[in-house]
Amino acid sequence: MIEFISKAFSGFVAMSYWEYIAVFLSLAYLQLAIKESSWCWPAAFISTFIYTVMYWNGALLMESALNFYYMIMAVVGWRMWQKTAEQSVVPIVSWSLQRHVKIIIVTASVAILLGYLTDTYTHAELAYLDSFTTCFAVVTTYLVAKKVLENFLYWIVIDAASIYLYFAKGYYPTLVLFVFYTIMVCWGYKRWYDEHEQREGKSLHQLEYD
C-alpha cells in the first residue's frame, strides 16, 4: 500500500500540465453530467483530445480510439442535450432489462472479436481487457447522450475494470481519477434515479409491472 501511494504521488509529480488539464476537465465533465448540464460536453471534448494522444503514445490503441470517439460524441451529446422550445430539459429515461441484456451480449461479442484482432495483429497490451472497456464505453457514452438512467451501472463496471488496466500500465494518477469516477457514478445513479422517480411518480419496479 505504501509503495502504491509512493508511485501514485510520483506519477502526479511527473504529470505534464496537459494531463493535469485533462484530469480536471474529466472530473468537471462528470460533475456537470450528473447535474444534467450540457456544458459537460465541451469539457469532455478537450479532455478526451488530450487522452487520445496520451494513450496512443502508451500503446493502448483501443483506449486511444475510444477517446477519439468520445470527442465525436461530445459534439453529438451537446446537440442532443440542447434545450428545445417544447422541453426545458431533455428527460431521463429507463430501458428494460431485456433491452440491456441484448446490448450486453452484442457488445461482449464485438469486444471478444476486437480483442483477438488487436492481440494477434497489433502491438497492443492487455488487448482483451482494453477491448472490453472500450466497446462497453462506446455503447455507454451513447446511453449518456440519450440520458438513459442505467448508463451509470455500466460505468461502475467499466471504471472498475479500467482501474486494473491503469494499474497494470502504471498510469497511477489516472487510476486515482477512476476511483473518484466510480464513487461519483454511484452518486450520479442515485441522483438520476430520484429525479426519474419524481417525474414519473412511480419507482422503476412499479413501472415494470404497469
N, C-alpha and C. Protein backbone atom coordinates (compact mmCIF):
# COMPACT_ATOMS: atom_id res chain seq x y z
N MET A 1 0.84 -1.20 0.00
CA MET A 1 0.00 0.00 0.00
C MET A 1 0.87 1.26 0.00
N ILE A 2 1.90 1.24 0.82
CA ILE A 2 2.81 2.39 0.87
C ILE A 2 3.50 2.58 -0.47
N GLU A 3 3.87 1.45 -1.09
CA GLU A 3 4.54 1.52 -2.39
C GLU A 3 3.61 2.12 -3.44
N PHE A 4 2.32 1.72 -3.40
CA PHE A 4 1.35 2.26 -4.35
C PHE A 4 1.19 3.76 -4.17
N ILE A 5 1.05 4.20 -2.90
CA ILE A 5 0.89 5.64 -2.63
C ILE A 5 2.11 6.41 -3.13
N SER A 6 3.29 5.82 -2.91
CA SER A 6 4.52 6.46 -3.36
C SER A 6 4.55 6.59 -4.89
N LYS A 7 4.13 5.51 -5.58
CA LYS A 7 4.12 5.54 -7.04
C LYS A 7 3.06 6.51 -7.56
N ALA A 8 1.91 6.52 -6.89
CA ALA A 8 0.85 7.44 -7.31
C ALA A 8 1.30 8.89 -7.15
N PHE A 9 1.93 9.18 -6.02
CA PHE A 9 2.43 10.54 -5.79
C PHE A 9 3.48 10.90 -6.82
N SER A 10 4.39 9.96 -7.10
CA SER A 10 5.42 10.21 -8.12
C SER A 10 4.80 10.44 -9.48
N GLY A 11 3.72 9.69 -9.75
CA GLY A 11 3.02 9.87 -11.02
C GLY A 11 2.40 11.24 -11.15
N PHE A 12 1.79 11.72 -10.06
CA PHE A 12 1.21 13.07 -10.09
C PHE A 12 2.28 14.12 -10.32
N VAL A 13 3.41 13.94 -9.66
CA VAL A 13 4.52 14.90 -9.81
C VAL A 13 5.03 14.91 -11.25
N ALA A 14 5.06 13.70 -11.87
CA ALA A 14 5.62 13.57 -13.22
C ALA A 14 4.63 13.97 -14.32
N MET A 15 3.38 14.19 -13.96
CA MET A 15 2.38 14.54 -14.96
C MET A 15 2.71 15.86 -15.63
N SER A 16 2.42 15.92 -16.92
CA SER A 16 2.57 17.18 -17.63
C SER A 16 1.37 18.07 -17.32
N TYR A 17 1.50 19.35 -17.61
CA TYR A 17 0.38 20.25 -17.33
C TYR A 17 -0.82 19.92 -18.21
N TRP A 18 -0.58 19.31 -19.39
CA TRP A 18 -1.68 18.90 -20.24
C TRP A 18 -2.50 17.80 -19.59
N GLU A 19 -1.80 16.85 -18.94
CA GLU A 19 -2.52 15.77 -18.27
C GLU A 19 -3.30 16.29 -17.07
N TYR A 20 -2.74 17.27 -16.37
CA TYR A 20 -3.48 17.90 -15.27
C TYR A 20 -4.77 18.53 -15.78
N ILE A 21 -4.67 19.18 -16.93
CA ILE A 21 -5.85 19.79 -17.53
C ILE A 21 -6.88 18.72 -17.88
N ALA A 22 -6.42 17.60 -18.43
CA ALA A 22 -7.33 16.52 -18.81
C ALA A 22 -8.03 15.94 -17.59
N VAL A 23 -7.30 15.75 -16.50
CA VAL A 23 -7.88 15.21 -15.27
C VAL A 23 -8.93 16.17 -14.72
N PHE A 24 -8.59 17.46 -14.66
CA PHE A 24 -9.52 18.46 -14.13
C PHE A 24 -10.80 18.52 -14.97
N LEU A 25 -10.66 18.53 -16.30
CA LEU A 25 -11.82 18.62 -17.17
C LEU A 25 -12.64 17.34 -17.16
N SER A 26 -11.99 16.19 -16.94
CA SER A 26 -12.71 14.92 -16.85
C SER A 26 -13.61 14.91 -15.62
N LEU A 27 -13.08 15.39 -14.51
CA LEU A 27 -13.89 15.48 -13.30
C LEU A 27 -15.02 16.49 -13.47
N ALA A 28 -14.71 17.60 -14.15
CA ALA A 28 -15.74 18.62 -14.41
C ALA A 28 -16.84 18.05 -15.29
N TYR A 29 -16.45 17.24 -16.29
CA TYR A 29 -17.44 16.62 -17.19
C TYR A 29 -18.44 15.78 -16.40
N LEU A 30 -17.92 14.90 -15.54
CA LEU A 30 -18.82 14.00 -14.81
C LEU A 30 -19.71 14.77 -13.85
N GLN A 31 -19.14 15.75 -13.18
CA GLN A 31 -19.92 16.57 -12.25
C GLN A 31 -21.05 17.29 -12.99
N LEU A 32 -20.73 17.87 -14.15
CA LEU A 32 -21.74 18.59 -14.92
C LEU A 32 -22.76 17.64 -15.53
N ALA A 33 -22.33 16.43 -15.94
CA ALA A 33 -23.26 15.45 -16.50
C ALA A 33 -24.27 15.00 -15.46
N ILE A 34 -23.79 14.76 -14.24
CA ILE A 34 -24.69 14.35 -13.16
C ILE A 34 -25.74 15.44 -12.91
N LYS A 35 -25.32 16.71 -13.04
CA LYS A 35 -26.25 17.84 -12.85
C LYS A 35 -27.06 18.14 -14.10
N GLU A 36 -26.86 17.32 -15.16
CA GLU A 36 -27.58 17.46 -16.42
C GLU A 36 -27.29 18.78 -17.13
N SER A 37 -26.08 19.28 -16.97
CA SER A 37 -25.67 20.50 -17.66
C SER A 37 -25.01 20.13 -18.99
N SER A 38 -25.46 20.74 -20.08
CA SER A 38 -24.90 20.44 -21.39
C SER A 38 -23.45 20.91 -21.52
N TRP A 39 -22.98 21.74 -20.57
CA TRP A 39 -21.59 22.19 -20.60
C TRP A 39 -20.62 21.06 -20.27
N CYS A 40 -21.15 19.91 -19.88
CA CYS A 40 -20.27 18.75 -19.65
C CYS A 40 -19.58 18.33 -20.95
N TRP A 41 -20.25 18.56 -22.08
CA TRP A 41 -19.71 18.07 -23.35
C TRP A 41 -18.50 18.84 -23.85
N PRO A 42 -18.44 20.18 -23.75
CA PRO A 42 -17.19 20.87 -24.10
C PRO A 42 -16.02 20.43 -23.22
N ALA A 43 -16.27 20.22 -21.92
CA ALA A 43 -15.22 19.73 -21.03
C ALA A 43 -14.73 18.36 -21.49
N ALA A 44 -15.67 17.52 -21.90
CA ALA A 44 -15.31 16.18 -22.37
C ALA A 44 -14.49 16.25 -23.65
N PHE A 45 -14.85 17.16 -24.55
CA PHE A 45 -14.15 17.25 -25.83
C PHE A 45 -12.67 17.56 -25.63
N ILE A 46 -12.37 18.52 -24.79
CA ILE A 46 -10.97 18.93 -24.59
C ILE A 46 -10.18 17.85 -23.87
N SER A 47 -10.76 17.29 -22.81
CA SER A 47 -10.04 16.28 -22.03
C SER A 47 -9.77 15.02 -22.86
N THR A 48 -10.73 14.61 -23.67
CA THR A 48 -10.53 13.39 -24.45
C THR A 48 -9.53 13.59 -25.59
N PHE A 49 -9.41 14.81 -26.08
CA PHE A 49 -8.38 15.08 -27.08
C PHE A 49 -6.99 14.82 -26.49
N ILE A 50 -6.79 15.28 -25.26
CA ILE A 50 -5.50 15.08 -24.59
C ILE A 50 -5.25 13.59 -24.35
N TYR A 51 -6.29 12.88 -23.88
CA TYR A 51 -6.12 11.46 -23.61
C TYR A 51 -5.92 10.63 -24.88
N THR A 52 -6.50 11.06 -25.97
CA THR A 52 -6.30 10.35 -27.24
C THR A 52 -4.82 10.27 -27.58
N VAL A 53 -4.13 11.38 -27.43
CA VAL A 53 -2.69 11.43 -27.71
C VAL A 53 -1.90 10.61 -26.69
N MET A 54 -2.25 10.75 -25.42
CA MET A 54 -1.51 10.07 -24.36
C MET A 54 -1.60 8.56 -24.47
N TYR A 55 -2.80 8.02 -24.71
CA TYR A 55 -2.95 6.58 -24.79
C TYR A 55 -2.31 6.01 -26.04
N TRP A 56 -2.31 6.77 -27.12
CA TRP A 56 -1.64 6.30 -28.34
C TRP A 56 -0.15 6.15 -28.08
N ASN A 57 0.42 7.10 -27.41
CA ASN A 57 1.84 7.04 -27.09
C ASN A 57 2.16 5.91 -26.10
N GLY A 58 1.16 5.49 -25.31
CA GLY A 58 1.36 4.43 -24.33
C GLY A 58 0.97 3.06 -24.84
N ALA A 59 0.70 2.91 -26.12
CA ALA A 59 0.40 1.63 -26.78
C ALA A 59 -0.94 1.04 -26.33
N LEU A 60 -1.83 1.85 -25.79
CA LEU A 60 -3.20 1.42 -25.51
C LEU A 60 -4.06 1.90 -26.68
N LEU A 61 -4.01 1.14 -27.76
CA LEU A 61 -4.60 1.59 -29.01
C LEU A 61 -6.11 1.73 -28.92
N MET A 62 -6.76 0.75 -28.27
CA MET A 62 -8.21 0.82 -28.17
C MET A 62 -8.65 1.98 -27.28
N GLU A 63 -7.89 2.26 -26.23
CA GLU A 63 -8.21 3.40 -25.37
C GLU A 63 -8.06 4.71 -26.13
N SER A 64 -7.04 4.77 -26.99
CA SER A 64 -6.83 5.96 -27.80
C SER A 64 -8.00 6.15 -28.77
N ALA A 65 -8.40 5.05 -29.42
CA ALA A 65 -9.53 5.11 -30.34
C ALA A 65 -10.82 5.48 -29.61
N LEU A 66 -10.96 4.95 -28.39
CA LEU A 66 -12.14 5.25 -27.59
C LEU A 66 -12.24 6.75 -27.30
N ASN A 67 -11.13 7.36 -26.93
CA ASN A 67 -11.16 8.78 -26.61
C ASN A 67 -11.39 9.63 -27.85
N PHE A 68 -10.95 9.17 -29.01
CA PHE A 68 -11.28 9.87 -30.25
C PHE A 68 -12.79 9.81 -30.49
N TYR A 69 -13.39 8.65 -30.21
CA TYR A 69 -14.85 8.50 -30.30
C TYR A 69 -15.55 9.43 -29.32
N TYR A 70 -14.98 9.55 -28.09
CA TYR A 70 -15.54 10.46 -27.10
C TYR A 70 -15.60 11.89 -27.64
N MET A 71 -14.56 12.27 -28.38
CA MET A 71 -14.53 13.62 -28.95
C MET A 71 -15.72 13.83 -29.88
N ILE A 72 -16.00 12.81 -30.69
CA ILE A 72 -17.13 12.91 -31.61
C ILE A 72 -18.45 12.96 -30.83
N MET A 73 -18.55 12.08 -29.81
CA MET A 73 -19.79 12.02 -29.03
C MET A 73 -19.99 13.28 -28.19
N ALA A 74 -18.90 13.99 -27.88
CA ALA A 74 -19.04 15.25 -27.16
C ALA A 74 -19.84 16.25 -28.00
N VAL A 75 -19.60 16.24 -29.30
CA VAL A 75 -20.34 17.11 -30.21
C VAL A 75 -21.79 16.64 -30.32
N VAL A 76 -21.96 15.31 -30.48
CA VAL A 76 -23.31 14.74 -30.58
C VAL A 76 -24.10 14.99 -29.30
N GLY A 77 -23.45 14.74 -28.16
CA GLY A 77 -24.12 14.93 -26.88
C GLY A 77 -24.55 16.37 -26.66
N TRP A 78 -23.68 17.30 -27.04
CA TRP A 78 -24.01 18.73 -26.93
C TRP A 78 -25.28 19.06 -27.69
N ARG A 79 -25.38 18.53 -28.92
CA ARG A 79 -26.56 18.79 -29.74
C ARG A 79 -27.81 18.14 -29.15
N MET A 80 -27.66 16.91 -28.63
CA MET A 80 -28.81 16.16 -28.13
C MET A 80 -29.33 16.73 -26.81
N TRP A 81 -28.45 17.35 -26.04
CA TRP A 81 -28.86 17.89 -24.74
C TRP A 81 -29.32 19.34 -24.81
N GLN A 82 -29.28 19.95 -25.97
CA GLN A 82 -29.71 21.34 -26.08
C GLN A 82 -31.19 21.46 -25.81
N LYS A 83 -31.56 22.53 -25.18
CA LYS A 83 -32.97 22.76 -24.86
C LYS A 83 -33.76 23.04 -26.13
N THR A 84 -34.99 22.61 -26.13
CA THR A 84 -35.89 22.86 -27.25
C THR A 84 -37.04 23.74 -26.78
N ALA A 85 -37.83 24.15 -27.72
CA ALA A 85 -38.97 25.00 -27.36
C ALA A 85 -40.00 24.23 -26.54
N GLU A 86 -40.14 22.93 -26.79
CA GLU A 86 -41.13 22.13 -26.10
C GLU A 86 -40.65 21.66 -24.74
N GLN A 87 -39.34 21.38 -24.59
CA GLN A 87 -38.82 20.82 -23.35
C GLN A 87 -37.67 21.69 -22.83
N SER A 88 -37.79 22.12 -21.58
CA SER A 88 -36.72 22.92 -21.00
C SER A 88 -35.51 22.04 -20.70
N VAL A 89 -35.74 20.74 -20.41
CA VAL A 89 -34.66 19.81 -20.14
C VAL A 89 -34.99 18.47 -20.79
N VAL A 90 -34.03 17.85 -21.44
CA VAL A 90 -34.23 16.53 -22.03
C VAL A 90 -34.48 15.54 -20.89
N PRO A 91 -35.58 14.76 -20.91
CA PRO A 91 -35.93 13.90 -19.78
C PRO A 91 -35.04 12.66 -19.67
N ILE A 92 -34.87 12.18 -18.45
CA ILE A 92 -34.17 10.93 -18.18
C ILE A 92 -35.12 9.78 -18.49
N VAL A 93 -34.61 8.74 -19.16
CA VAL A 93 -35.43 7.57 -19.50
C VAL A 93 -34.79 6.32 -18.91
N SER A 94 -35.60 5.25 -18.78
CA SER A 94 -35.10 3.97 -18.30
C SER A 94 -35.46 2.89 -19.32
N TRP A 95 -34.46 2.06 -19.68
CA TRP A 95 -34.70 0.98 -20.62
C TRP A 95 -34.91 -0.34 -19.88
N SER A 96 -35.61 -1.28 -20.51
CA SER A 96 -35.95 -2.54 -19.87
C SER A 96 -34.73 -3.44 -19.70
N LEU A 97 -34.83 -4.39 -18.77
CA LEU A 97 -33.75 -5.34 -18.53
C LEU A 97 -33.46 -6.16 -19.78
N GLN A 98 -34.53 -6.57 -20.49
CA GLN A 98 -34.35 -7.36 -21.71
C GLN A 98 -33.52 -6.60 -22.76
N ARG A 99 -33.77 -5.32 -22.85
CA ARG A 99 -33.03 -4.50 -23.82
C ARG A 99 -31.57 -4.41 -23.43
N HIS A 100 -31.29 -4.28 -22.15
CA HIS A 100 -29.91 -4.21 -21.69
C HIS A 100 -29.18 -5.54 -21.87
N VAL A 101 -29.88 -6.64 -21.67
CA VAL A 101 -29.26 -7.97 -21.88
C VAL A 101 -28.81 -8.11 -23.33
N LYS A 102 -29.65 -7.69 -24.26
CA LYS A 102 -29.28 -7.74 -25.68
C LYS A 102 -28.05 -6.87 -25.95
N ILE A 103 -28.03 -5.68 -25.36
CA ILE A 103 -26.89 -4.77 -25.54
C ILE A 103 -25.62 -5.42 -25.04
N ILE A 104 -25.69 -6.05 -23.86
CA ILE A 104 -24.51 -6.67 -23.25
C ILE A 104 -23.99 -7.83 -24.10
N ILE A 105 -24.89 -8.67 -24.60
CA ILE A 105 -24.49 -9.82 -25.41
C ILE A 105 -23.80 -9.38 -26.69
N VAL A 106 -24.40 -8.42 -27.39
CA VAL A 106 -23.83 -7.95 -28.65
C VAL A 106 -22.50 -7.25 -28.41
N THR A 107 -22.44 -6.39 -27.42
CA THR A 107 -21.21 -5.64 -27.13
C THR A 107 -20.08 -6.56 -26.71
N ALA A 108 -20.38 -7.56 -25.88
CA ALA A 108 -19.36 -8.51 -25.44
C ALA A 108 -18.81 -9.32 -26.61
N SER A 109 -19.68 -9.68 -27.53
CA SER A 109 -19.24 -10.45 -28.71
C SER A 109 -18.29 -9.62 -29.57
N VAL A 110 -18.63 -8.36 -29.78
CA VAL A 110 -17.76 -7.48 -30.55
C VAL A 110 -16.43 -7.27 -29.83
N ALA A 111 -16.46 -7.16 -28.51
CA ALA A 111 -15.25 -6.94 -27.72
C ALA A 111 -14.30 -8.14 -27.83
N ILE A 112 -14.84 -9.34 -27.79
CA ILE A 112 -14.01 -10.54 -27.92
C ILE A 112 -13.33 -10.57 -29.29
N LEU A 113 -14.08 -10.24 -30.33
CA LEU A 113 -13.51 -10.23 -31.68
C LEU A 113 -12.41 -9.18 -31.80
N LEU A 114 -12.67 -7.98 -31.32
CA LEU A 114 -11.67 -6.92 -31.38
C LEU A 114 -10.45 -7.26 -30.52
N GLY A 115 -10.69 -7.90 -29.39
CA GLY A 115 -9.58 -8.31 -28.53
C GLY A 115 -8.67 -9.29 -29.24
N TYR A 116 -9.27 -10.24 -29.95
CA TYR A 116 -8.47 -11.22 -30.70
C TYR A 116 -7.67 -10.54 -31.81
N LEU A 117 -8.33 -9.65 -32.54
CA LEU A 117 -7.65 -8.99 -33.66
C LEU A 117 -6.49 -8.11 -33.19
N THR A 118 -6.71 -7.33 -32.14
CA THR A 118 -5.65 -6.44 -31.67
C THR A 118 -4.53 -7.22 -30.98
N ASP A 119 -4.89 -8.32 -30.33
CA ASP A 119 -3.88 -9.15 -29.67
C ASP A 119 -3.01 -9.88 -30.69
N THR A 120 -3.60 -10.24 -31.82
CA THR A 120 -2.90 -11.03 -32.83
C THR A 120 -2.12 -10.17 -33.81
N TYR A 121 -2.69 -9.04 -34.19
CA TYR A 121 -2.12 -8.29 -35.31
C TYR A 121 -1.54 -6.92 -34.95
N THR A 122 -1.58 -6.54 -33.69
CA THR A 122 -1.00 -5.24 -33.31
C THR A 122 -0.08 -5.42 -32.10
N HIS A 123 0.52 -4.30 -31.68
CA HIS A 123 1.41 -4.34 -30.52
C HIS A 123 0.67 -3.98 -29.23
N ALA A 124 -0.66 -4.06 -29.26
CA ALA A 124 -1.48 -3.69 -28.10
C ALA A 124 -1.19 -4.58 -26.90
N GLU A 125 -1.21 -3.99 -25.72
CA GLU A 125 -1.05 -4.73 -24.47
C GLU A 125 -2.41 -4.86 -23.77
N LEU A 126 -2.60 -5.97 -23.05
CA LEU A 126 -3.87 -6.23 -22.36
C LEU A 126 -5.04 -6.06 -23.32
N ALA A 127 -4.90 -6.69 -24.47
CA ALA A 127 -5.80 -6.43 -25.60
C ALA A 127 -7.26 -6.74 -25.29
N TYR A 128 -7.52 -7.87 -24.64
CA TYR A 128 -8.92 -8.25 -24.39
C TYR A 128 -9.58 -7.32 -23.37
N LEU A 129 -8.91 -7.03 -22.29
CA LEU A 129 -9.46 -6.11 -21.30
C LEU A 129 -9.63 -4.72 -21.89
N ASP A 130 -8.65 -4.29 -22.66
CA ASP A 130 -8.71 -2.99 -23.33
C ASP A 130 -9.92 -2.93 -24.26
N SER A 131 -10.16 -4.03 -24.99
CA SER A 131 -11.28 -4.07 -25.93
C SER A 131 -12.63 -4.06 -25.21
N PHE A 132 -12.72 -4.80 -24.10
CA PHE A 132 -13.97 -4.83 -23.34
C PHE A 132 -14.31 -3.45 -22.78
N THR A 133 -13.35 -2.80 -22.15
CA THR A 133 -13.64 -1.47 -21.60
C THR A 133 -13.98 -0.49 -22.71
N THR A 134 -13.30 -0.62 -23.84
CA THR A 134 -13.54 0.29 -24.96
C THR A 134 -14.92 0.10 -25.55
N CYS A 135 -15.28 -1.15 -25.87
CA CYS A 135 -16.56 -1.42 -26.52
C CYS A 135 -17.74 -1.03 -25.64
N PHE A 136 -17.65 -1.37 -24.35
CA PHE A 136 -18.76 -1.02 -23.46
C PHE A 136 -18.80 0.48 -23.21
N ALA A 137 -17.66 1.13 -23.19
CA ALA A 137 -17.65 2.59 -23.01
C ALA A 137 -18.26 3.29 -24.22
N VAL A 138 -18.03 2.75 -25.42
CA VAL A 138 -18.64 3.30 -26.64
C VAL A 138 -20.16 3.28 -26.52
N VAL A 139 -20.68 2.13 -26.14
CA VAL A 139 -22.13 1.98 -26.00
C VAL A 139 -22.67 2.85 -24.88
N THR A 140 -21.97 2.87 -23.75
CA THR A 140 -22.45 3.60 -22.59
C THR A 140 -22.43 5.11 -22.82
N THR A 141 -21.46 5.60 -23.57
CA THR A 141 -21.43 7.03 -23.89
C THR A 141 -22.66 7.42 -24.69
N TYR A 142 -23.10 6.53 -25.58
CA TYR A 142 -24.34 6.77 -26.32
C TYR A 142 -25.53 6.81 -25.37
N LEU A 143 -25.52 5.93 -24.35
CA LEU A 143 -26.60 5.92 -23.37
C LEU A 143 -26.63 7.23 -22.57
N VAL A 144 -25.45 7.79 -22.30
CA VAL A 144 -25.39 9.08 -21.62
C VAL A 144 -26.03 10.15 -22.49
N ALA A 145 -25.67 10.16 -23.77
CA ALA A 145 -26.22 11.15 -24.70
C ALA A 145 -27.74 11.03 -24.80
N LYS A 146 -28.25 9.80 -24.70
CA LYS A 146 -29.70 9.56 -24.74
C LYS A 146 -30.35 9.75 -23.37
N LYS A 147 -29.53 10.00 -22.35
CA LYS A 147 -29.98 10.19 -20.97
C LYS A 147 -30.73 8.96 -20.45
N VAL A 148 -30.12 7.78 -20.71
CA VAL A 148 -30.65 6.52 -20.18
C VAL A 148 -30.12 6.33 -18.76
N LEU A 149 -31.01 6.17 -17.82
CA LEU A 149 -30.65 6.08 -16.40
C LEU A 149 -29.57 5.04 -16.12
N GLU A 150 -29.68 3.88 -16.74
CA GLU A 150 -28.80 2.76 -16.42
C GLU A 150 -27.38 2.94 -16.91
N ASN A 151 -27.07 4.04 -17.58
CA ASN A 151 -25.70 4.25 -18.04
C ASN A 151 -24.73 4.23 -16.87
N PHE A 152 -25.16 4.69 -15.70
CA PHE A 152 -24.28 4.73 -14.54
C PHE A 152 -23.89 3.33 -14.06
N LEU A 153 -24.79 2.36 -14.21
CA LEU A 153 -24.48 0.99 -13.80
C LEU A 153 -23.40 0.40 -14.71
N TYR A 154 -23.47 0.71 -16.00
CA TYR A 154 -22.41 0.29 -16.92
C TYR A 154 -21.08 0.91 -16.52
N TRP A 155 -21.12 2.22 -16.20
CA TRP A 155 -19.87 2.92 -15.87
C TRP A 155 -19.21 2.35 -14.63
N ILE A 156 -19.99 1.88 -13.67
CA ILE A 156 -19.40 1.31 -12.45
C ILE A 156 -18.51 0.13 -12.81
N VAL A 157 -19.01 -0.75 -13.68
CA VAL A 157 -18.24 -1.93 -14.09
C VAL A 157 -17.05 -1.53 -14.96
N ILE A 158 -17.28 -0.62 -15.91
CA ILE A 158 -16.21 -0.16 -16.80
C ILE A 158 -15.09 0.50 -16.02
N ASP A 159 -15.45 1.36 -15.09
CA ASP A 159 -14.44 2.07 -14.30
C ASP A 159 -13.64 1.11 -13.42
N ALA A 160 -14.30 0.11 -12.85
CA ALA A 160 -13.60 -0.87 -12.03
C ALA A 160 -12.58 -1.64 -12.86
N ALA A 161 -12.96 -2.04 -14.08
CA ALA A 161 -12.04 -2.75 -14.96
C ALA A 161 -10.90 -1.83 -15.40
N SER A 162 -11.23 -0.57 -15.63
CA SER A 162 -10.22 0.40 -16.05
C SER A 162 -9.19 0.65 -14.95
N ILE A 163 -9.62 0.59 -13.70
CA ILE A 163 -8.69 0.77 -12.58
C ILE A 163 -7.57 -0.27 -12.65
N TYR A 164 -7.95 -1.52 -12.90
CA TYR A 164 -6.93 -2.57 -13.02
C TYR A 164 -6.04 -2.32 -14.24
N LEU A 165 -6.65 -1.91 -15.35
CA LEU A 165 -5.90 -1.66 -16.57
C LEU A 165 -4.85 -0.57 -16.35
N TYR A 166 -5.21 0.50 -15.71
CA TYR A 166 -4.28 1.60 -15.48
C TYR A 166 -3.23 1.24 -14.43
N PHE A 167 -3.60 0.39 -13.48
CA PHE A 167 -2.62 -0.09 -12.51
C PHE A 167 -1.55 -0.92 -13.21
N ALA A 168 -1.99 -1.79 -14.11
CA ALA A 168 -1.05 -2.64 -14.83
C ALA A 168 -0.13 -1.82 -15.73
N LYS A 169 -0.63 -0.71 -16.25
CA LYS A 169 0.16 0.14 -17.14
C LYS A 169 0.95 1.21 -16.39
N GLY A 170 0.69 1.35 -15.10
CA GLY A 170 1.41 2.35 -14.31
C GLY A 170 0.88 3.76 -14.45
N TYR A 171 -0.36 3.91 -14.93
CA TYR A 171 -0.98 5.24 -15.02
C TYR A 171 -1.66 5.56 -13.69
N TYR A 172 -0.87 5.77 -12.66
CA TYR A 172 -1.40 5.90 -11.31
C TYR A 172 -2.28 7.13 -11.11
N PRO A 173 -1.91 8.30 -11.64
CA PRO A 173 -2.82 9.45 -11.48
C PRO A 173 -4.18 9.20 -12.12
N THR A 174 -4.21 8.57 -13.31
CA THR A 174 -5.48 8.27 -13.96
C THR A 174 -6.23 7.20 -13.18
N LEU A 175 -5.52 6.27 -12.56
CA LEU A 175 -6.14 5.27 -11.70
C LEU A 175 -6.89 5.95 -10.56
N VAL A 176 -6.23 6.90 -9.91
CA VAL A 176 -6.87 7.64 -8.82
C VAL A 176 -8.10 8.38 -9.33
N LEU A 177 -7.99 8.95 -10.53
CA LEU A 177 -9.12 9.63 -11.15
C LEU A 177 -10.30 8.68 -11.30
N PHE A 178 -10.04 7.44 -11.73
CA PHE A 178 -11.13 6.49 -11.96
C PHE A 178 -11.72 5.97 -10.66
N VAL A 179 -10.94 5.99 -9.58
CA VAL A 179 -11.52 5.68 -8.27
C VAL A 179 -12.57 6.73 -7.92
N PHE A 180 -12.23 8.00 -8.15
CA PHE A 180 -13.20 9.08 -7.94
C PHE A 180 -14.39 8.93 -8.87
N TYR A 181 -14.13 8.54 -10.12
CA TYR A 181 -15.20 8.31 -11.07
C TYR A 181 -16.20 7.29 -10.53
N THR A 182 -15.68 6.17 -10.02
CA THR A 182 -16.54 5.10 -9.52
C THR A 182 -17.44 5.59 -8.41
N ILE A 183 -16.89 6.40 -7.51
CA ILE A 183 -17.69 6.97 -6.42
C ILE A 183 -18.74 7.93 -6.97
N MET A 184 -18.32 8.76 -7.92
CA MET A 184 -19.22 9.79 -8.45
C MET A 184 -20.35 9.18 -9.28
N VAL A 185 -20.07 8.09 -10.02
CA VAL A 185 -21.15 7.50 -10.82
C VAL A 185 -22.19 6.84 -9.93
N CYS A 186 -21.78 6.34 -8.77
CA CYS A 186 -22.75 5.80 -7.81
C CYS A 186 -23.68 6.92 -7.33
N TRP A 187 -23.09 8.08 -7.03
CA TRP A 187 -23.89 9.24 -6.65
C TRP A 187 -24.77 9.69 -7.81
N GLY A 188 -24.20 9.68 -9.02
CA GLY A 188 -24.94 10.10 -10.19
C GLY A 188 -26.17 9.22 -10.44
N TYR A 189 -26.01 7.90 -10.26
CA TYR A 189 -27.14 7.00 -10.45
C TYR A 189 -28.25 7.32 -9.46
N LYS A 190 -27.87 7.54 -8.20
CA LYS A 190 -28.87 7.86 -7.18
C LYS A 190 -29.59 9.16 -7.52
N ARG A 191 -28.86 10.16 -7.98
CA ARG A 191 -29.46 11.46 -8.31
C ARG A 191 -30.41 11.33 -9.49
N TRP A 192 -29.98 10.66 -10.58
CA TRP A 192 -30.83 10.48 -11.75
C TRP A 192 -32.04 9.60 -11.43
N TYR A 193 -31.82 8.56 -10.60
CA TYR A 193 -32.91 7.67 -10.22
C TYR A 193 -34.00 8.45 -9.49
N ASP A 194 -33.59 9.26 -8.53
CA ASP A 194 -34.56 10.04 -7.76
C ASP A 194 -35.32 11.02 -8.66
N GLU A 195 -34.63 11.64 -9.60
CA GLU A 195 -35.29 12.59 -10.50
C GLU A 195 -36.27 11.87 -11.41
N HIS A 196 -35.85 10.70 -11.93
CA HIS A 196 -36.73 9.92 -12.81
C HIS A 196 -37.97 9.46 -12.05
N GLU A 197 -37.77 9.00 -10.83
CA GLU A 197 -38.87 8.54 -10.00
C GLU A 197 -39.84 9.68 -9.69
N GLN A 198 -39.30 10.86 -9.40
CA GLN A 198 -40.14 12.02 -9.10
C GLN A 198 -40.95 12.44 -10.33
N ARG A 199 -40.30 12.40 -11.50
CA ARG A 199 -41.01 12.82 -12.73
C ARG A 199 -42.11 11.83 -13.10
N GLU A 200 -41.82 10.52 -12.95
CA GLU A 200 -42.80 9.50 -13.32
C GLU A 200 -43.87 9.30 -12.24
N GLY A 201 -43.52 9.66 -10.99
CA GLY A 201 -44.46 9.46 -9.90
C GLY A 201 -44.51 8.03 -9.40
N LYS A 202 -43.60 7.19 -9.92
CA LYS A 202 -43.54 5.78 -9.53
C LYS A 202 -42.09 5.33 -9.55
N SER A 203 -41.80 4.26 -8.78
CA SER A 203 -40.45 3.68 -8.81
C SER A 203 -40.29 2.85 -10.06
N LEU A 204 -39.05 2.51 -10.41
CA LEU A 204 -38.79 1.67 -11.58
C LEU A 204 -39.47 0.32 -11.44
N HIS A 205 -39.49 -0.24 -10.24
CA HIS A 205 -40.13 -1.53 -10.00
C HIS A 205 -41.62 -1.46 -10.33
N GLN A 206 -42.28 -0.38 -9.92
CA GLN A 206 -43.70 -0.23 -10.20
C GLN A 206 -43.96 -0.04 -11.69
N LEU A 207 -43.07 0.70 -12.36
CA LEU A 207 -43.25 0.95 -13.79
C LEU A 207 -43.14 -0.33 -14.59
N GLU A 208 -42.24 -1.25 -14.16
CA GLU A 208 -42.04 -2.51 -14.88
C GLU A 208 -43.29 -3.40 -14.86
N TYR A 209 -44.10 -3.24 -13.82
CA TYR A 209 -45.26 -4.10 -13.68
C TYR A 209 -46.57 -3.41 -14.06
N ASP A 210 -46.47 -2.19 -14.56
CA ASP A 210 -47.69 -1.49 -15.03
C ASP A 210 -48.08 -1.98 -16.42
